[in-house]
């Protein structure tokens, strides 16, 4: 009866050592690093941040072509609804009026407007 118990204990120790070694190698020795990933694969909060940054740049330079170039990598064919959606989220999140105005103006420049965002277009 001693032999099977030793075999089980040895197997459990070997299994634990294998898992530990695998984690050590995978996390510290050769961790996975993602480089040059497409912007379409970003988390939604990072996409929202990219839209906000594009709107902020548009508020500064009023260059619609540059704003479109900044937004195109996010993977949307129609950029107006993308920005309008972010503007409506900003209103729902009760963000600052300045942030909302920048988003709404960029959305309007891209041809997207809604009844929720129109009040922010007036000066």
PDB file of N, CA and C in Angstrom:
ATOM      1  N   UNK A   1       0.807  -1.202   0.000  1.00  0.00           N
ATOM      2  CA  UNK A   1       0.000   0.000   0.000  1.00  0.00           C
ATOM      3  C   UNK A   1       0.848   1.263   0.000  1.00  0.00           C
ATOM      4  N   UNK A   2       2.091   1.198   0.449  1.00  0.00           N
ATOM      5  CA  UNK A   2       2.934   2.392   0.493  1.00  0.00           C
ATOM      6  C   UNK A   2       3.287   2.881  -0.897  1.00  0.00           C
ATOM      7  N   UNK A   3       3.480   1.963  -1.810  1.00  0.00           N
ATOM      8  CA  UNK A   3       3.927   2.342  -3.145  1.00  0.00           C
ATOM      9  C   UNK A   3       2.914   3.241  -3.854  1.00  0.00           C
ATOM     10  N   UNK A   4       1.602   2.953  -3.884  1.00  0.00           N
ATOM     11  CA  UNK A   4       0.654   3.834  -4.560  1.00  0.00           C
ATOM     12  C   UNK A   4       0.576   5.221  -3.901  1.00  0.00           C
ATOM     13  N   UNK A   5       0.723   5.303  -2.585  1.00  0.00           N
ATOM     14  CA  UNK A   5       0.672   6.599  -1.913  1.00  0.00           C
ATOM     15  C   UNK A   5       1.858   7.455  -2.346  1.00  0.00           C
ATOM     16  N   UNK A   6       3.048   6.848  -2.415  1.00  0.00           N
ATOM     17  CA  UNK A   6       4.241   7.574  -2.874  1.00  0.00           C
ATOM     18  C   UNK A   6       4.063   8.045  -4.319  1.00  0.00           C
ATOM     19  N   UNK A   7       3.485   7.191  -5.114  1.00  0.00           N
ATOM     20  CA  UNK A   7       3.277   7.522  -6.520  1.00  0.00           C
ATOM     21  C   UNK A   7       2.321   8.719  -6.656  1.00  0.00           C
ATOM     22  N   UNK A   8       1.266   8.724  -5.873  1.00  0.00           N
ATOM     23  CA  UNK A   8       0.298   9.816  -5.907  1.00  0.00           C
ATOM     24  C   UNK A   8       0.949  11.115  -5.424  1.00  0.00           C
ATOM     25  N   UNK A   9       1.689  11.052  -4.330  1.00  0.00           N
ATOM     26  CA  UNK A   9       2.361  12.244  -3.794  1.00  0.00           C
ATOM     27  C   UNK A   9       3.387  12.771  -4.796  1.00  0.00           C
ATOM     28  N   UNK A  10       4.164  11.886  -5.385  1.00  0.00           N
ATOM     29  CA  UNK A  10       5.149  12.299  -6.387  1.00  0.00           C
ATOM     30  C   UNK A  10       4.461  12.933  -7.595  1.00  0.00           C
ATOM     31  N   UNK A  11       3.358  12.370  -8.018  1.00  0.00           N
ATOM     32  CA  UNK A  11       2.617  12.918  -9.154  1.00  0.00           C
ATOM     33  C   UNK A  11       2.078  14.308  -8.837  1.00  0.00           C
ATOM     34  N   UNK A  12       1.527  14.497  -7.634  1.00  0.00           N
ATOM     35  CA  UNK A  12       1.008  15.804  -7.239  1.00  0.00           C
ATOM     36  C   UNK A  12       2.127  16.844  -7.146  1.00  0.00           C
ATOM     37  N   UNK A  13       3.280  16.446  -6.595  1.00  0.00           N
ATOM     38  CA  UNK A  13       4.415  17.369  -6.503  1.00  0.00           C
ATOM     39  C   UNK A  13       4.912  17.739  -7.901  1.00  0.00           C
ATOM     40  N   UNK A  14       4.998  16.755  -8.787  1.00  0.00           N
ATOM     41  CA  UNK A  14       5.453  17.016 -10.158  1.00  0.00           C
ATOM     42  C   UNK A  14       4.462  17.920 -10.890  1.00  0.00           C
ATOM     43  N   UNK A  15       3.171  17.695 -10.674  1.00  0.00           N
ATOM     44  CA  UNK A  15       2.147  18.532 -11.295  1.00  0.00           C
ATOM     45  C   UNK A  15       2.241  19.973 -10.796  1.00  0.00           C
ATOM     46  N   UNK A  16       2.379  20.150  -9.481  1.00  0.00           N
ATOM     47  CA  UNK A  16       2.499  21.493  -8.910  1.00  0.00           C
ATOM     48  C   UNK A  16       3.762  22.191  -9.412  1.00  0.00           C
ATOM     49  N   UNK A  17       4.869  21.453  -9.479  1.00  0.00           N
ATOM     50  CA  UNK A  17       6.117  22.035  -9.973  1.00  0.00           C
ATOM     51  C   UNK A  17       5.975  22.425 -11.449  1.00  0.00           C
ATOM     52  N   UNK A  18       5.312  21.623 -12.242  1.00  0.00           N
ATOM     53  CA  UNK A  18       5.112  21.937 -13.658  1.00  0.00           C
ATOM     54  C   UNK A  18       4.259  23.174 -13.854  1.00  0.00           C
ATOM     55  N   UNK A  19       3.188  23.271 -13.094  1.00  0.00           N
ATOM     56  CA  UNK A  19       2.328  24.444 -13.184  1.00  0.00           C
ATOM     57  C   UNK A  19       3.092  25.687 -12.734  1.00  0.00           C
ATOM     58  N   UNK A  20       3.802  25.573 -11.618  1.00  0.00           N
ATOM     59  CA  UNK A  20       4.576  26.706 -11.109  1.00  0.00           C
ATOM     60  C   UNK A  20       5.646  27.154 -12.089  1.00  0.00           C
ATOM     61  N   UNK A  21       6.351  26.202 -12.670  1.00  0.00           N
ATOM     62  CA  UNK A  21       7.381  26.533 -13.647  1.00  0.00           C
ATOM     63  C   UNK A  21       6.770  27.163 -14.896  1.00  0.00           C
ATOM     64  N   UNK A  22       5.639  26.641 -15.326  1.00  0.00           N
ATOM     65  CA  UNK A  22       4.958  27.211 -16.489  1.00  0.00           C
ATOM     66  C   UNK A  22       4.514  28.648 -16.248  1.00  0.00           C
ATOM     67  N   UNK A  23       3.966  28.914 -15.065  1.00  0.00           N
ATOM     68  CA  UNK A  23       3.558  30.277 -14.726  1.00  0.00           C
ATOM     69  C   UNK A  23       4.753  31.206 -14.618  1.00  0.00           C
ATOM     70  N   UNK A  24       5.817  30.730 -14.006  1.00  0.00           N
ATOM     71  CA  UNK A  24       7.029  31.530 -13.873  1.00  0.00           C
ATOM     72  C   UNK A  24       7.580  31.917 -15.245  1.00  0.00           C
ATOM     73  N   UNK A  25       7.668  30.958 -16.128  1.00  0.00           N
ATOM     74  CA  UNK A  25       8.190  31.229 -17.465  1.00  0.00           C
ATOM     75  C   UNK A  25       7.240  32.144 -18.244  1.00  0.00           C
ATOM     76  N   UNK A  26       5.939  31.862 -18.167  1.00  0.00           N
ATOM     77  CA  UNK A  26       4.962  32.642 -18.929  1.00  0.00           C
ATOM     78  C   UNK A  26       4.769  34.064 -18.444  1.00  0.00           C
ATOM     79  N   UNK A  27       4.910  34.288 -17.152  1.00  0.00           N
ATOM     80  CA  UNK A  27       4.663  35.627 -16.612  1.00  0.00           C
ATOM     81  C   UNK A  27       5.916  36.468 -16.461  1.00  0.00           C
ATOM     82  N   UNK A  28       7.049  35.833 -16.177  1.00  0.00           N
ATOM     83  CA  UNK A  28       8.242  36.618 -15.862  1.00  0.00           C
ATOM     84  C   UNK A  28       9.385  36.438 -16.852  1.00  0.00           C
ATOM     85  N   UNK A  29       9.637  35.231 -17.313  1.00  0.00           N
ATOM     86  CA  UNK A  29      10.783  34.998 -18.182  1.00  0.00           C
ATOM     87  C   UNK A  29      10.466  35.436 -19.611  1.00  0.00           C
ATOM     88  N   UNK A  30       9.386  34.928 -20.205  1.00  0.00           N
ATOM     89  CA  UNK A  30       8.974  35.280 -21.551  1.00  0.00           C
ATOM     90  C   UNK A  30       7.499  35.679 -21.566  1.00  0.00           C
ATOM     91  N   UNK A  31       7.159  36.817 -20.995  1.00  0.00           N
ATOM     92  CA  UNK A  31       5.743  37.202 -20.984  1.00  0.00           C
ATOM     93  C   UNK A  31       5.277  37.586 -22.391  1.00  0.00           C
ATOM     94  N   UNK A  32       3.999  37.448 -22.609  1.00  0.00           N
ATOM     95  CA  UNK A  32       3.410  37.827 -23.891  1.00  0.00           C
ATOM     96  C   UNK A  32       3.330  39.344 -23.940  1.00  0.00           C
ATOM     97  N   UNK A  33       3.809  39.920 -25.012  1.00  0.00           N
ATOM     98  CA  UNK A  33       3.676  41.361 -25.215  1.00  0.00           C
ATOM     99  C   UNK A  33       2.997  41.591 -26.550  1.00  0.00           C
ATOM    100  N   UNK A  34       2.007  42.439 -26.530  1.00  0.00           N
ATOM    101  CA  UNK A  34       1.280  42.773 -27.741  1.00  0.00           C
ATOM    102  C   UNK A  34       1.834  44.073 -28.294  1.00  0.00           C
ATOM    103  N   UNK A  35       2.239  44.058 -29.527  1.00  0.00           N
ATOM    104  CA  UNK A  35       2.735  45.272 -30.171  1.00  0.00           C
ATOM    105  C   UNK A  35       2.006  45.467 -31.484  1.00  0.00           C
ATOM    106  N   UNK A  36       1.832  46.714 -31.815  1.00  0.00           N
ATOM    107  CA  UNK A  36       1.200  47.093 -33.062  1.00  0.00           C
ATOM    108  C   UNK A  36      -0.156  46.413 -33.265  1.00  0.00           C
ATOM    109  N   UNK A  37      -0.931  46.377 -32.201  1.00  0.00           N
ATOM    110  CA  UNK A  37      -2.271  45.831 -32.280  1.00  0.00           C
ATOM    111  C   UNK A  37      -3.179  46.867 -32.942  1.00  0.00           C
ATOM    112  N   UNK A  38      -4.141  46.417 -33.676  1.00  0.00           N
ATOM    113  CA  UNK A  38      -5.056  47.326 -34.368  1.00  0.00           C
ATOM    114  C   UNK A  38      -5.921  48.072 -33.360  1.00  0.00           C
ATOM    115  N   UNK A  39      -6.177  49.358 -33.600  1.00  0.00           N
ATOM    116  CA  UNK A  39      -7.032  50.128 -32.693  1.00  0.00           C
ATOM    117  C   UNK A  39      -8.442  49.553 -32.550  1.00  0.00           C
ATOM    118  N   UNK A  40      -8.891  48.790 -33.547  1.00  0.00           N
ATOM    119  CA  UNK A  40     -10.222  48.194 -33.446  1.00  0.00           C
ATOM    120  C   UNK A  40     -10.287  47.166 -32.324  1.00  0.00           C
ATOM    121  N   UNK A  41      -9.145  46.674 -31.874  1.00  0.00           N
ATOM    122  CA  UNK A  41      -9.117  45.665 -30.810  1.00  0.00           C
ATOM    123  C   UNK A  41      -9.040  46.280 -29.412  1.00  0.00           C
ATOM    124  N   UNK A  42      -9.036  47.607 -29.330  1.00  0.00           N
ATOM    125  CA  UNK A  42      -8.956  48.265 -28.027  1.00  0.00           C
ATOM    126  C   UNK A  42     -10.251  48.047 -27.239  1.00  0.00           C
ATOM    127  N   UNK A  43     -10.119  48.134 -25.925  1.00  0.00           N
ATOM    128  CA  UNK A  43     -11.306  48.101 -25.078  1.00  0.00           C
ATOM    129  C   UNK A  43     -12.147  49.343 -25.367  1.00  0.00           C
ATOM    130  N   UNK A  44     -13.440  49.260 -25.074  1.00  0.00           N
ATOM    131  CA  UNK A  44     -14.347  50.361 -25.389  1.00  0.00           C
ATOM    132  C   UNK A  44     -13.968  51.642 -24.660  1.00  0.00           C
ATOM    133  N   UNK A  45     -13.498  51.562 -23.430  1.00  0.00           N
ATOM    134  CA  UNK A  45     -13.140  52.788 -22.714  1.00  0.00           C
ATOM    135  C   UNK A  45     -11.951  53.490 -23.374  1.00  0.00           C
ATOM    136  N   UNK A  46     -11.033  52.725 -23.966  1.00  0.00           N
ATOM    137  CA  UNK A  46      -9.910  53.337 -24.678  1.00  0.00           C
ATOM    138  C   UNK A  46     -10.378  53.928 -26.008  1.00  0.00           C
ATOM    139  N   UNK A  47     -11.337  53.289 -26.656  1.00  0.00           N
ATOM    140  CA  UNK A  47     -11.902  53.866 -27.881  1.00  0.00           C
ATOM    141  C   UNK A  47     -12.609  55.182 -27.563  1.00  0.00           C
ATOM    142  N   UNK A  48     -13.349  55.195 -26.452  1.00  0.00           N
ATOM    143  CA  UNK A  48     -14.022  56.427 -26.035  1.00  0.00           C
ATOM    144  C   UNK A  48     -13.006  57.535 -25.777  1.00  0.00           C
ATOM    145  N   UNK A  49     -11.890  57.171 -25.180  1.00  0.00           N
ATOM    146  CA  UNK A  49     -10.831  58.150 -24.920  1.00  0.00           C
ATOM    147  C   UNK A  49     -10.240  58.665 -26.228  1.00  0.00           C
ATOM    148  N   UNK A  50     -10.067  57.790 -27.211  1.00  0.00           N
ATOM    149  CA  UNK A  50      -9.539  58.204 -28.514  1.00  0.00           C
ATOM    150  C   UNK A  50     -10.505  59.172 -29.201  1.00  0.00           C
ATOM    151  N   UNK A  51     -11.801  58.913 -29.088  1.00  0.00           N
ATOM    152  CA  UNK A  51     -12.804  59.820 -29.661  1.00  0.00           C
ATOM    153  C   UNK A  51     -12.737  61.165 -28.959  1.00  0.00           C
ATOM    154  N   UNK A  52     -12.608  61.144 -27.635  1.00  0.00           N
ATOM    155  CA  UNK A  52     -12.525  62.396 -26.879  1.00  0.00           C
ATOM    156  C   UNK A  52     -11.279  63.186 -27.283  1.00  0.00           C
ATOM    157  N   UNK A  53     -10.151  62.517 -27.449  1.00  0.00           N
ATOM    158  CA  UNK A  53      -8.927  63.205 -27.850  1.00  0.00           C
ATOM    159  C   UNK A  53      -9.056  63.802 -29.251  1.00  0.00           C
ATOM    160  N   UNK A  54      -9.709  63.084 -30.151  1.00  0.00           N
ATOM    161  CA  UNK A  54      -9.933  63.615 -31.497  1.00  0.00           C
ATOM    162  C   UNK A  54     -10.841  64.848 -31.443  1.00  0.00           C
ATOM    163  N   UNK A  55     -11.852  64.812 -30.595  1.00  0.00           N
ATOM    164  CA  UNK A  55     -12.755  65.960 -30.445  1.00  0.00           C
ATOM    165  C   UNK A  55     -12.021  67.150 -29.841  1.00  0.00           C
ATOM    166  N   UNK A  56     -11.144  66.876 -28.904  1.00  0.00           N
ATOM    167  CA  UNK A  56     -10.364  67.945 -28.284  1.00  0.00           C
ATOM    168  C   UNK A  56      -9.427  68.587 -29.310  1.00  0.00           C
ATOM    169  N   UNK A  57      -8.792  67.772 -30.127  1.00  0.00           N
ATOM    170  CA  UNK A  57      -7.909  68.294 -31.171  1.00  0.00           C
ATOM    171  C   UNK A  57      -8.715  69.090 -32.198  1.00  0.00           C
ATOM    172  N   UNK A  58      -9.905  68.602 -32.540  1.00  0.00           N
ATOM    173  CA  UNK A  58     -10.763  69.310 -33.491  1.00  0.00           C
ATOM    174  C   UNK A  58     -11.176  70.667 -32.935  1.00  0.00           C
ATOM    175  N   UNK A  59     -11.449  70.740 -31.634  1.00  0.00           N
ATOM    176  CA  UNK A  59     -11.817  72.014 -31.016  1.00  0.00           C
ATOM    177  C   UNK A  59     -10.665  73.008 -31.099  1.00  0.00           C
ATOM    178  N   UNK A  60      -9.459  72.504 -31.089  1.00  0.00           N
ATOM    179  CA  UNK A  60      -8.280  73.373 -31.150  1.00  0.00           C
ATOM    180  C   UNK A  60      -7.965  73.817 -32.575  1.00  0.00           C
ATOM    181  N   UNK A  61      -7.944  72.865 -33.529  1.00  0.00           N
ATOM    182  CA  UNK A  61      -7.467  73.208 -34.872  1.00  0.00           C
ATOM    183  C   UNK A  61      -8.555  73.296 -35.945  1.00  0.00           C
ATOM    184  N   UNK A  62      -9.774  72.853 -35.655  1.00  0.00           N
ATOM    185  CA  UNK A  62     -10.906  72.870 -36.598  1.00  0.00           C
ATOM    186  C   UNK A  62     -10.574  72.182 -37.925  1.00  0.00           C
ATOM    187  N   UNK A  63      -9.715  71.190 -37.894  1.00  0.00           N
ATOM    188  CA  UNK A  63      -9.315  70.455 -39.094  1.00  0.00           C
ATOM    189  C   UNK A  63     -10.109  69.152 -39.153  1.00  0.00           C
ATOM    190  N   UNK A  64     -11.179  69.166 -39.951  1.00  0.00           N
ATOM    191  CA  UNK A  64     -12.068  68.012 -40.022  1.00  0.00           C
ATOM    192  C   UNK A  64     -11.377  66.807 -40.644  1.00  0.00           C
ATOM    193  N   UNK A  65     -10.551  67.034 -41.652  1.00  0.00           N
ATOM    194  CA  UNK A  65      -9.841  65.914 -42.284  1.00  0.00           C
ATOM    195  C   UNK A  65      -8.896  65.234 -41.299  1.00  0.00           C
ATOM    196  N   UNK A  66      -8.220  66.026 -40.483  1.00  0.00           N
ATOM    197  CA  UNK A  66      -7.320  65.449 -39.473  1.00  0.00           C
ATOM    198  C   UNK A  66      -8.126  64.667 -38.432  1.00  0.00           C
ATOM    199  N   UNK A  67      -9.288  65.191 -38.052  1.00  0.00           N
ATOM    200  CA  UNK A  67     -10.138  64.487 -37.087  1.00  0.00           C
ATOM    201  C   UNK A  67     -10.604  63.154 -37.659  1.00  0.00           C
ATOM    202  N   UNK A  68     -10.982  63.158 -38.931  1.00  0.00           N
ATOM    203  CA  UNK A  68     -11.400  61.911 -39.570  1.00  0.00           C
ATOM    204  C   UNK A  68     -10.238  60.924 -39.631  1.00  0.00           C
ATOM    205  N   UNK A  69      -9.061  61.411 -39.923  1.00  0.00           N
ATOM    206  CA  UNK A  69      -7.880  60.533 -39.966  1.00  0.00           C
ATOM    207  C   UNK A  69      -7.590  59.952 -38.589  1.00  0.00           C
ATOM    208  N   UNK A  70      -7.844  60.720 -37.534  1.00  0.00           N
ATOM    209  CA  UNK A  70      -7.622  60.225 -36.172  1.00  0.00           C
ATOM    210  C   UNK A  70      -8.654  59.157 -35.792  1.00  0.00           C
ATOM    211  N   UNK A  71      -9.858  59.291 -36.324  1.00  0.00           N
ATOM    212  CA  UNK A  71     -10.948  58.389 -35.941  1.00  0.00           C
ATOM    213  C   UNK A  71     -11.047  57.132 -36.811  1.00  0.00           C
ATOM    214  N   UNK A  72     -10.577  57.203 -38.047  1.00  0.00           N
ATOM    215  CA  UNK A  72     -10.705  56.063 -38.962  1.00  0.00           C
ATOM    216  C   UNK A  72     -10.131  54.758 -38.411  1.00  0.00           C
ATOM    217  N   UNK A  73      -8.983  54.774 -37.738  1.00  0.00           N
ATOM    218  CA  UNK A  73      -8.439  53.497 -37.248  1.00  0.00           C
ATOM    219  C   UNK A  73      -9.331  52.779 -36.232  1.00  0.00           C
ATOM    220  N   UNK A  74     -10.334  53.457 -35.699  1.00  0.00           N
ATOM    221  CA  UNK A  74     -11.223  52.816 -34.728  1.00  0.00           C
ATOM    222  C   UNK A  74     -12.167  51.814 -35.376  1.00  0.00           C
ATOM    223  N   UNK A  75     -12.162  51.764 -36.704  1.00  0.00           N
ATOM    224  CA  UNK A  75     -12.876  50.705 -37.397  1.00  0.00           C
ATOM    225  C   UNK A  75     -14.295  51.004 -37.804  1.00  0.00           C
ATOM    226  N   UNK A  76     -14.733  52.233 -37.678  1.00  0.00           N
ATOM    227  CA  UNK A  76     -16.101  52.565 -38.059  1.00  0.00           C
ATOM    228  C   UNK A  76     -16.110  53.196 -39.439  1.00  0.00           C
ATOM    229  N   UNK A  77     -17.032  52.766 -40.277  1.00  0.00           N
ATOM    230  CA  UNK A  77     -17.154  53.342 -41.613  1.00  0.00           C
ATOM    231  C   UNK A  77     -17.764  54.744 -41.544  1.00  0.00           C
ATOM    232  N   UNK A  78     -18.781  54.897 -40.714  1.00  0.00           N
ATOM    233  CA  UNK A  78     -19.459  56.181 -40.567  1.00  0.00           C
ATOM    234  C   UNK A  78     -19.038  56.786 -39.227  1.00  0.00           C
ATOM    235  N   UNK A  79     -18.224  57.812 -39.273  1.00  0.00           N
ATOM    236  CA  UNK A  79     -17.622  58.364 -38.065  1.00  0.00           C
ATOM    237  C   UNK A  79     -18.578  59.249 -37.264  1.00  0.00           C
ATOM    238  N   UNK A  80     -19.546  59.851 -37.920  1.00  0.00           N
ATOM    239  CA  UNK A  80     -20.487  60.721 -37.222  1.00  0.00           C
ATOM    240  C   UNK A  80     -21.224  60.017 -36.092  1.00  0.00           C
ATOM    241  N   UNK A  81     -21.883  58.886 -36.371  1.00  0.00           N
ATOM    242  CA  UNK A  81     -22.573  58.174 -35.287  1.00  0.00           C
ATOM    243  C   UNK A  81     -21.634  57.694 -34.176  1.00  0.00           C
ATOM    244  N   UNK A  82     -20.396  57.386 -34.514  1.00  0.00           N
ATOM    245  CA  UNK A  82     -19.416  56.980 -33.502  1.00  0.00           C
ATOM    246  C   UNK A  82     -19.191  58.105 -32.500  1.00  0.00           C
ATOM    247  N   UNK A  83     -18.984  59.321 -33.004  1.00  0.00           N
ATOM    248  CA  UNK A  83     -18.750  60.478 -32.134  1.00  0.00           C
ATOM    249  C   UNK A  83     -20.042  60.878 -31.423  1.00  0.00           C
ATOM    250  N   UNK A  84     -21.154  60.802 -32.133  1.00  0.00           N
ATOM    251  CA  UNK A  84     -22.444  61.145 -31.527  1.00  0.00           C
ATOM    252  C   UNK A  84     -22.759  60.206 -30.361  1.00  0.00           C
ATOM    253  N   UNK A  85     -22.479  58.932 -30.532  1.00  0.00           N
ATOM    254  CA  UNK A  85     -22.695  57.963 -29.456  1.00  0.00           C
ATOM    255  C   UNK A  85     -21.857  58.321 -28.237  1.00  0.00           C
ATOM    256  N   UNK A  86     -20.606  58.713 -28.474  1.00  0.00           N
ATOM    257  CA  UNK A  86     -19.730  59.105 -27.353  1.00  0.00           C
ATOM    258  C   UNK A  86     -20.240  60.375 -26.692  1.00  0.00           C
ATOM    259  N   UNK A  87     -20.765  61.316 -27.487  1.00  0.00           N
ATOM    260  CA  UNK A  87     -21.311  62.548 -26.926  1.00  0.00           C
ATOM    261  C   UNK A  87     -22.526  62.253 -26.050  1.00  0.00           C
ATOM    262  N   UNK A  88     -23.387  61.346 -26.512  1.00  0.00           N
ATOM    263  CA  UNK A  88     -24.565  60.998 -25.715  1.00  0.00           C
ATOM    264  C   UNK A  88     -24.165  60.271 -24.433  1.00  0.00           C
ATOM    265  N   UNK A  89     -23.114  59.451 -24.514  1.00  0.00           N
ATOM    266  CA  UNK A  89     -22.597  58.815 -23.293  1.00  0.00           C
ATOM    267  C   UNK A  89     -22.065  59.867 -22.331  1.00  0.00           C
ATOM    268  N   UNK A  90     -21.393  60.883 -22.875  1.00  0.00           N
ATOM    269  CA  UNK A  90     -20.838  61.947 -22.038  1.00  0.00           C
ATOM    270  C   UNK A  90     -21.949  62.704 -21.316  1.00  0.00           C
ATOM    271  N   UNK A  91     -23.061  62.922 -22.020  1.00  0.00           N
ATOM    272  CA  UNK A  91     -24.208  63.581 -21.390  1.00  0.00           C
ATOM    273  C   UNK A  91     -24.768  62.691 -20.281  1.00  0.00           C
ATOM    274  N   UNK A  92     -24.923  61.405 -20.566  1.00  0.00           N
ATOM    275  CA  UNK A  92     -25.450  60.469 -19.559  1.00  0.00           C
ATOM    276  C   UNK A  92     -24.516  60.337 -18.365  1.00  0.00           C
ATOM    277  N   UNK A  93     -23.210  60.442 -18.602  1.00  0.00           N
ATOM    278  CA  UNK A  93     -22.224  60.335 -17.522  1.00  0.00           C
ATOM    279  C   UNK A  93     -22.034  61.651 -16.786  1.00  0.00           C
ATOM    280  N   UNK A  94     -22.725  62.694 -17.251  1.00  0.00           N
ATOM    281  CA  UNK A  94     -22.659  64.011 -16.636  1.00  0.00           C
ATOM    282  C   UNK A  94     -21.227  64.561 -16.627  1.00  0.00           C
ATOM    283  N   UNK A  95     -20.559  64.421 -17.761  1.00  0.00           N
ATOM    284  CA  UNK A  95     -19.213  64.970 -17.891  1.00  0.00           C
ATOM    285  C   UNK A  95     -19.294  66.488 -17.996  1.00  0.00           C
ATOM    286  N   UNK A  96     -18.152  67.140 -18.006  1.00  0.00           N
ATOM    287  CA  UNK A  96     -18.144  68.601 -18.040  1.00  0.00           C
ATOM    288  C   UNK A  96     -18.760  69.110 -19.341  1.00  0.00           C
ATOM    289  N   UNK A  97     -19.317  70.321 -19.254  1.00  0.00           N
ATOM    290  CA  UNK A  97     -19.964  70.903 -20.426  1.00  0.00           C
ATOM    291  C   UNK A  97     -18.955  71.072 -21.564  1.00  0.00           C
ATOM    292  N   UNK A  98     -17.726  71.421 -21.233  1.00  0.00           N
ATOM    293  CA  UNK A  98     -16.703  71.611 -22.259  1.00  0.00           C
ATOM    294  C   UNK A  98     -16.445  70.311 -23.031  1.00  0.00           C
ATOM    295  N   UNK A  99     -16.351  69.204 -22.327  1.00  0.00           N
ATOM    296  CA  UNK A  99     -16.139  67.924 -22.999  1.00  0.00           C
ATOM    297  C   UNK A  99     -17.306  67.587 -23.921  1.00  0.00           C
ATOM    298  N   UNK A 100     -18.491  67.788 -23.420  1.00  0.00           N
ATOM    299  CA  UNK A 100     -19.689  67.483 -24.211  1.00  0.00           C
ATOM    300  C   UNK A 100     -19.752  68.378 -25.447  1.00  0.00           C
ATOM    301  N   UNK A 101     -19.460  69.668 -25.281  1.00  0.00           N
ATOM    302  CA  UNK A 101     -19.501  70.605 -26.402  1.00  0.00           C
ATOM    303  C   UNK A 101     -18.499  70.200 -27.478  1.00  0.00           C
ATOM    304  N   UNK A 102     -17.289  69.829 -27.090  1.00  0.00           N
ATOM    305  CA  UNK A 102     -16.282  69.402 -28.068  1.00  0.00           C
ATOM    306  C   UNK A 102     -16.759  68.166 -28.844  1.00  0.00           C
ATOM    307  N   UNK A 103     -17.311  67.207 -28.130  1.00  0.00           N
ATOM    308  CA  UNK A 103     -17.803  65.988 -28.787  1.00  0.00           C
ATOM    309  C   UNK A 103     -18.978  66.284 -29.714  1.00  0.00           C
ATOM    310  N   UNK A 104     -19.907  67.105 -29.252  1.00  0.00           N
ATOM    311  CA  UNK A 104     -21.091  67.434 -30.044  1.00  0.00           C
ATOM    312  C   UNK A 104     -20.704  68.212 -31.304  1.00  0.00           C
ATOM    313  N   UNK A 105     -19.771  69.137 -31.173  1.00  0.00           N
ATOM    314  CA  UNK A 105     -19.355  69.916 -32.350  1.00  0.00           C
ATOM    315  C   UNK A 105     -18.659  69.037 -33.386  1.00  0.00           C
ATOM    316  N   UNK A 106     -17.844  68.103 -32.942  1.00  0.00           N
ATOM    317  CA  UNK A 106     -17.204  67.195 -33.893  1.00  0.00           C
ATOM    318  C   UNK A 106     -18.253  66.298 -34.547  1.00  0.00           C
ATOM    319  N   UNK A 107     -19.196  65.801 -33.763  1.00  0.00           N
ATOM    320  CA  UNK A 107     -20.259  64.957 -34.334  1.00  0.00           C
ATOM    321  C   UNK A 107     -21.056  65.739 -35.373  1.00  0.00           C
ATOM    322  N   UNK A 108     -21.380  66.981 -35.064  1.00  0.00           N
ATOM    323  CA  UNK A 108     -22.148  67.810 -36.007  1.00  0.00           C
ATOM    324  C   UNK A 108     -21.327  68.076 -37.266  1.00  0.00           C
ATOM    325  N   UNK A 109     -20.040  68.309 -37.116  1.00  0.00           N
ATOM    326  CA  UNK A 109     -19.179  68.530 -38.285  1.00  0.00           C
ATOM    327  C   UNK A 109     -19.124  67.284 -39.165  1.00  0.00           C
ATOM    328  N   UNK A 110     -19.283  66.126 -38.530  1.00  0.00           N
ATOM    329  CA  UNK A 110     -19.293  64.867 -39.278  1.00  0.00           C
ATOM    330  C   UNK A 110     -20.690  64.508 -39.776  1.00  0.00           C
ATOM    331  N   UNK A 111     -21.667  65.380 -39.499  1.00  0.00           N
ATOM    332  CA  UNK A 111     -23.018  65.184 -40.019  1.00  0.00           C
ATOM    333  C   UNK A 111     -23.937  64.389 -39.118  1.00  0.00           C
ATOM    334  N   UNK A 112     -23.616  64.276 -37.856  1.00  0.00           N
ATOM    335  CA  UNK A 112     -24.464  63.516 -36.925  1.00  0.00           C
ATOM    336  C   UNK A 112     -24.969  64.438 -35.818  1.00  0.00           C
ATOM    337  N   UNK A 113     -26.278  64.486 -35.683  1.00  0.00           N
ATOM    338  CA  UNK A 113     -26.896  65.315 -34.638  1.00  0.00           C
ATOM    339  C   UNK A 113     -28.066  64.555 -34.037  1.00  0.00           C
ATOM    340  N   UNK A 114     -28.438  64.953 -32.827  1.00  0.00           N
ATOM    341  CA  UNK A 114     -29.627  64.375 -32.200  1.00  0.00           C
ATOM    342  C   UNK A 114     -30.272  65.437 -31.319  1.00  0.00           C
ATOM    343  N   UNK A 115     -31.478  65.170 -30.894  1.00  0.00           N
ATOM    344  CA  UNK A 115     -32.184  66.133 -30.052  1.00  0.00           C
ATOM    345  C   UNK A 115     -31.521  66.270 -28.671  1.00  0.00           C
ATOM    346  N   UNK A 116     -30.812  65.216 -28.237  1.00  0.00           N
ATOM    347  CA  UNK A 116     -30.121  65.287 -26.948  1.00  0.00           C
ATOM    348  C   UNK A 116     -28.893  66.196 -27.005  1.00  0.00           C
ATOM    349  N   UNK A 117     -28.257  66.230 -28.162  1.00  0.00           N
ATOM    350  CA  UNK A 117     -26.998  66.954 -28.265  1.00  0.00           C
ATOM    351  C   UNK A 117     -27.158  68.348 -28.847  1.00  0.00           C
ATOM    352  N   UNK A 118     -28.247  68.631 -29.530  1.00  0.00           N
ATOM    353  CA  UNK A 118     -28.423  69.960 -30.177  1.00  0.00           C
ATOM    354  C   UNK A 118     -28.316  71.149 -29.213  1.00  0.00           C
ATOM    355  N   UNK A 119     -28.807  71.062 -27.974  1.00  0.00           N
ATOM    356  CA  UNK A 119     -28.657  72.210 -27.073  1.00  0.00           C
ATOM    357  C   UNK A 119     -27.200  72.607 -26.803  1.00  0.00           C
ATOM    358  N   UNK A 120     -26.274  71.669 -26.990  1.00  0.00           N
ATOM    359  CA  UNK A 120     -24.870  71.967 -26.733  1.00  0.00           C
ATOM    360  C   UNK A 120     -24.183  72.630 -27.924  1.00  0.00           C
ATOM    361  N   UNK A 121     -24.890  72.771 -29.054  1.00  0.00           N
ATOM    362  CA  UNK A 121     -24.303  73.410 -30.230  1.00  0.00           C
ATOM    363  C   UNK A 121     -24.376  74.936 -30.167  1.00  0.00           C
ATOM    364  N   UNK A 122     -25.319  75.462 -29.411  1.00  0.00           N
ATOM    365  CA  UNK A 122     -25.434  76.921 -29.332  1.00  0.00           C
ATOM    366  C   UNK A 122     -24.352  77.462 -28.395  1.00  0.00           C
ATOM    367  N   UNK A 123     -23.835  78.654 -28.731  1.00  0.00           N
ATOM    368  CA  UNK A 123     -22.735  79.221 -27.928  1.00  0.00           C
ATOM    369  C   UNK A 123     -23.102  79.627 -26.567  1.00  0.00           C
TER     370      UNK A 123
END
